[in-house]
Amino acid sequence: METKKPDTVNEPESEYGLYSYADYLTWPIDEVVELIKGIRFKKAAAAPKRIHQRVSVKLVSKLYHFLEGQKCQVYNAPFDVRFPKGSKEDHKIHDVVQPDICVICDPEKLDDRGCIGAPDLIVEILSPGNSQTELKHKFKLY
């Protein structure tokens, strides 16, 4: 008998979830989803508020100009950051997030799908709809 995977949850119910990066890659592109401990977190589909966008653009711009000519690179969401625990195989990665802004200085961590491992700098711009995930679950992951 096949067990059905649960839909999106706001709070993880177990220490370890059911989904992997391999599952994540099959989901519709119109959904903004992150995985933390294999638990699927659906983010707001609507565009971020104007103040969120202004803060993001200002920070990305300042970081970009500060790092220009150096090996570090700035990326903004959507940009997948995968946290492998041992194996880098897609079906064994259970943590995939999209920070608002990240800086990666090690080019070996970059591939065509994003970043593998912890970026050198992560910026999360808190908004009313996402602060619980950012403050609680993503903070522990980072």
C-alpha atoms as a PDB file:
ATOM      1  CA  MET A   1       0.000   0.000   0.000  1.00  0.00           C
ATOM      2  CA  GLU A   2       1.441   3.349  -1.054  1.00  0.00           C
ATOM      3  CA  THR A   3       1.518   6.126   1.521  1.00  0.00           C
ATOM      4  CA  LYS A   4       0.517   9.568   0.359  1.00  0.00           C
ATOM      5  CA  LYS A   5       2.955  12.362   1.163  1.00  0.00           C
ATOM      6  CA  PRO A   6       1.399  15.149   3.221  1.00  0.00           C
ATOM      7  CA  ASP A   7       0.639  18.529   1.722  1.00  0.00           C
ATOM      8  CA  THR A   8       2.380  21.683   2.851  1.00  0.00           C
ATOM      9  CA  VAL A   9       2.699  22.236   6.589  1.00  0.00           C
ATOM     10  CA  ASN A  10       3.542  25.326   8.597  1.00  0.00           C
ATOM     11  CA  GLU A  11       5.336  23.506  11.389  1.00  0.00           C
ATOM     12  CA  PRO A  12       7.346  20.293  11.006  1.00  0.00           C
ATOM     13  CA  GLU A  13       5.734  17.404  12.833  1.00  0.00           C
ATOM     14  CA  SER A  14       8.770  15.169  12.887  1.00  0.00           C
ATOM     15  CA  GLU A  15      12.530  15.398  13.132  1.00  0.00           C
ATOM     16  CA  TYR A  16      12.883  14.262   9.541  1.00  0.00           C
ATOM     17  CA  GLY A  17      10.480  14.775   6.653  1.00  0.00           C
ATOM     18  CA  LEU A  18       9.579  12.880   3.544  1.00  0.00           C
ATOM     19  CA  TYR A  19      10.763  15.057   0.665  1.00  0.00           C
ATOM     20  CA  SER A  20      14.132  15.394  -1.047  1.00  0.00           C
ATOM     21  CA  TYR A  21      15.657  17.753  -3.608  1.00  0.00           C
ATOM     22  CA  ALA A  22      14.775  15.165  -6.276  1.00  0.00           C
ATOM     23  CA  ASP A  23      11.078  15.616  -5.335  1.00  0.00           C
ATOM     24  CA  TYR A  24      11.493  19.401  -5.231  1.00  0.00           C
ATOM     25  CA  LEU A  25      12.725  19.427  -8.836  1.00  0.00           C
ATOM     26  CA  THR A  26       9.476  17.805 -10.021  1.00  0.00           C
ATOM     27  CA  TRP A  27       7.119  20.370  -8.452  1.00  0.00           C
ATOM     28  CA  PRO A  28       5.409  23.082 -10.528  1.00  0.00           C
ATOM     29  CA  ILE A  29       7.530  26.155 -11.144  1.00  0.00           C
ATOM     30  CA  ASP A  30       4.643  28.447 -10.187  1.00  0.00           C
ATOM     31  CA  GLU A  31       4.986  27.356  -6.540  1.00  0.00           C
ATOM     32  CA  VAL A  32       7.612  28.896  -4.295  1.00  0.00           C
ATOM     33  CA  VAL A  33       8.647  26.081  -1.984  1.00  0.00           C
ATOM     34  CA  GLU A  34      11.521  25.416   0.400  1.00  0.00           C
ATOM     35  CA  LEU A  35      12.526  22.182   2.144  1.00  0.00           C
ATOM     36  CA  ILE A  36      13.720  22.135   5.722  1.00  0.00           C
ATOM     37  CA  LYS A  37      14.506  18.692   7.158  1.00  0.00           C
ATOM     38  CA  GLY A  38      12.482  17.231   4.294  1.00  0.00           C
ATOM     39  CA  ILE A  39       9.359  19.197   5.262  1.00  0.00           C
ATOM     40  CA  ARG A  40       7.761  21.248   2.506  1.00  0.00           C
ATOM     41  CA  PHE A  41       7.243  24.945   3.292  1.00  0.00           C
ATOM     42  CA  LYS A  42       5.177  26.835   0.741  1.00  0.00           C
ATOM     43  CA  LYS A  43       6.012  30.533   0.528  1.00  0.00           C
ATOM     44  CA  ALA A  44       3.591  33.270  -0.468  1.00  0.00           C
ATOM     45  CA  ALA A  45       2.927  33.157  -4.208  1.00  0.00           C
ATOM     46  CA  ALA A  46       2.305  36.895  -4.346  1.00  0.00           C
ATOM     47  CA  ALA A  47       5.205  39.229  -4.995  1.00  0.00           C
ATOM     48  CA  PRO A  48       6.889  40.604  -1.877  1.00  0.00           C
ATOM     49  CA  LYS A  49       5.706  43.985  -0.625  1.00  0.00           C
ATOM     50  CA  ARG A  50       7.301  47.104  -2.091  1.00  0.00           C
ATOM     51  CA  ILE A  51       9.359  47.812   1.056  1.00  0.00           C
ATOM     52  CA  HIS A  52      10.782  44.271   0.916  1.00  0.00           C
ATOM     53  CA  GLN A  53      11.801  44.838  -2.722  1.00  0.00           C
ATOM     54  CA  ARG A  54      13.400  48.220  -1.948  1.00  0.00           C
ATOM     55  CA  VAL A  55      15.448  46.804   0.930  1.00  0.00           C
ATOM     56  CA  SER A  56      16.517  43.838  -1.203  1.00  0.00           C
ATOM     57  CA  VAL A  57      17.565  45.968  -4.183  1.00  0.00           C
ATOM     58  CA  LYS A  58      19.541  48.376  -1.989  1.00  0.00           C
ATOM     59  CA  LEU A  59      21.388  45.580  -0.198  1.00  0.00           C
ATOM     60  CA  VAL A  60      22.137  43.632  -3.393  1.00  0.00           C
ATOM     61  CA  SER A  61      23.392  46.797  -5.078  1.00  0.00           C
ATOM     62  CA  LYS A  62      25.680  47.729  -2.178  1.00  0.00           C
ATOM     63  CA  LEU A  63      27.038  44.194  -1.848  1.00  0.00           C
ATOM     64  CA  TYR A  64      27.573  43.914  -5.603  1.00  0.00           C
ATOM     65  CA  HIS A  65      29.589  47.155  -5.753  1.00  0.00           C
ATOM     66  CA  PHE A  66      31.537  46.300  -2.603  1.00  0.00           C
ATOM     67  CA  LEU A  67      32.500  42.858  -3.950  1.00  0.00           C
ATOM     68  CA  GLU A  68      33.072  43.894  -7.576  1.00  0.00           C
ATOM     69  CA  GLY A  69      36.388  42.559  -8.845  1.00  0.00           C
ATOM     70  CA  GLN A  70      36.644  39.979  -6.063  1.00  0.00           C
ATOM     71  CA  LYS A  71      35.910  36.262  -6.261  1.00  0.00           C
ATOM     72  CA  CYS A  72      32.711  36.559  -4.188  1.00  0.00           C
ATOM     73  CA  GLN A  73      29.396  36.706  -6.048  1.00  0.00           C
ATOM     74  CA  VAL A  74      26.004  38.050  -4.931  1.00  0.00           C
ATOM     75  CA  TYR A  75      22.748  36.220  -5.694  1.00  0.00           C
ATOM     76  CA  ASN A  76      19.162  37.101  -4.873  1.00  0.00           C
ATOM     77  CA  ALA A  77      16.021  34.978  -4.644  1.00  0.00           C
ATOM     78  CA  PRO A  78      14.937  32.836  -6.265  1.00  0.00           C
ATOM     79  CA  PHE A  79      18.276  31.021  -5.942  1.00  0.00           C
ATOM     80  CA  ASP A  80      18.411  27.483  -4.545  1.00  0.00           C
ATOM     81  CA  VAL A  81      20.794  26.828  -1.676  1.00  0.00           C
ATOM     82  CA  ARG A  82      21.110  23.111  -0.917  1.00  0.00           C
ATOM     83  CA  PHE A  83      22.503  21.769   2.337  1.00  0.00           C
ATOM     84  CA  PRO A  84      23.684  18.192   1.797  1.00  0.00           C
ATOM     85  CA  LYS A  85      24.300  15.992   4.809  1.00  0.00           C
ATOM     86  CA  GLY A  86      27.027  13.747   3.465  1.00  0.00           C
ATOM     87  CA  SER A  87      25.922  12.840  -0.058  1.00  0.00           C
ATOM     88  CA  LYS A  88      25.278  15.491  -2.712  1.00  0.00           C
ATOM     89  CA  GLU A  89      22.859  13.224  -4.590  1.00  0.00           C
ATOM     90  CA  ASP A  90      19.508  14.936  -5.213  1.00  0.00           C
ATOM     91  CA  HIS A  91      17.457  12.224  -3.509  1.00  0.00           C
ATOM     92  CA  LYS A  92      19.559  12.515  -0.331  1.00  0.00           C
ATOM     93  CA  ILE A  93      19.345  16.307   0.077  1.00  0.00           C
ATOM     94  CA  HIS A  94      16.480  17.321   2.374  1.00  0.00           C
ATOM     95  CA  ASP A  95      17.270  21.002   2.946  1.00  0.00           C
ATOM     96  CA  VAL A  96      16.732  23.469   0.081  1.00  0.00           C
ATOM     97  CA  VAL A  97      16.052  27.142   0.762  1.00  0.00           C
ATOM     98  CA  GLN A  98      15.953  30.396  -1.167  1.00  0.00           C
ATOM     99  CA  PRO A  99      17.462  33.175   0.953  1.00  0.00           C
ATOM    100  CA  ASP A 100      16.576  36.711  -0.069  1.00  0.00           C
ATOM    101  CA  ILE A 101      20.262  37.448  -0.671  1.00  0.00           C
ATOM    102  CA  CYS A 102      23.405  35.350  -0.419  1.00  0.00           C
ATOM    103  CA  VAL A 103      27.099  35.788  -1.109  1.00  0.00           C
ATOM    104  CA  ILE A 104      29.252  32.871  -2.225  1.00  0.00           C
ATOM    105  CA  CYS A 105      33.040  33.223  -2.314  1.00  0.00           C
ATOM    106  CA  ASP A 106      33.947  29.621  -3.177  1.00  0.00           C
ATOM    107  CA  PRO A 107      33.192  28.932  -6.866  1.00  0.00           C
ATOM    108  CA  GLU A 108      33.306  25.183  -6.122  1.00  0.00           C
ATOM    109  CA  LYS A 109      29.996  25.566  -4.250  1.00  0.00           C
ATOM    110  CA  LEU A 110      28.220  26.846  -7.374  1.00  0.00           C
ATOM    111  CA  ASP A 111      26.571  24.846 -10.115  1.00  0.00           C
ATOM    112  CA  ASP A 112      23.876  25.578 -12.703  1.00  0.00           C
ATOM    113  CA  ARG A 113      21.140  24.950 -10.115  1.00  0.00           C
ATOM    114  CA  GLY A 114      22.453  27.213  -7.347  1.00  0.00           C
ATOM    115  CA  CYS A 115      24.699  26.690  -4.344  1.00  0.00           C
ATOM    116  CA  ILE A 116      25.705  23.455  -2.625  1.00  0.00           C
ATOM    117  CA  GLY A 117      26.574  24.096   1.003  1.00  0.00           C
ATOM    118  CA  ALA A 118      26.422  27.176   3.170  1.00  0.00           C
ATOM    119  CA  PRO A 119      26.951  30.547   1.483  1.00  0.00           C
ATOM    120  CA  ASP A 120      29.458  32.900   3.094  1.00  0.00           C
ATOM    121  CA  LEU A 121      26.698  35.412   3.829  1.00  0.00           C
ATOM    122  CA  ILE A 122      22.926  34.958   3.985  1.00  0.00           C
ATOM    123  CA  VAL A 123      20.416  37.794   4.295  1.00  0.00           C
ATOM    124  CA  GLU A 124      16.760  37.150   5.096  1.00  0.00           C
ATOM    125  CA  ILE A 125      14.490  40.187   4.922  1.00  0.00           C
ATOM    126  CA  LEU A 126      11.723  39.560   7.404  1.00  0.00           C
ATOM    127  CA  SER A 127       8.136  40.080   6.297  1.00  0.00           C
ATOM    128  CA  PRO A 128       4.966  39.481   8.330  1.00  0.00           C
ATOM    129  CA  GLY A 129       4.066  36.356   6.358  1.00  0.00           C
ATOM    130  CA  ASN A 130       7.388  34.561   6.600  1.00  0.00           C
ATOM    131  CA  SER A 131       9.069  35.623   9.818  1.00  0.00           C
ATOM    132  CA  GLN A 132       8.200  32.413  11.719  1.00  0.00           C
ATOM    133  CA  THR A 133       9.930  30.226   9.121  1.00  0.00           C
ATOM    134  CA  GLU A 134      12.924  32.561   8.870  1.00  0.00           C
ATOM    135  CA  LEU A 135      13.353  33.065  12.601  1.00  0.00           C
ATOM    136  CA  LYS A 136      12.774  29.512  13.755  1.00  0.00           C
ATOM    137  CA  HIS A 137      13.456  26.883  11.108  1.00  0.00           C
ATOM    138  CA  LYS A 138      15.833  28.563   8.671  1.00  0.00           C
ATOM    139  CA  PHE A 139      17.917  30.066  11.490  1.00  0.00           C
ATOM    140  CA  LYS A 140      18.605  26.563  12.849  1.00  0.00           C
ATOM    141  CA  LEU A 141      19.516  25.367   9.367  1.00  0.00           C
ATOM    142  CA  TYR A 142      21.917  28.250   8.729  1.00  0.00           C
END
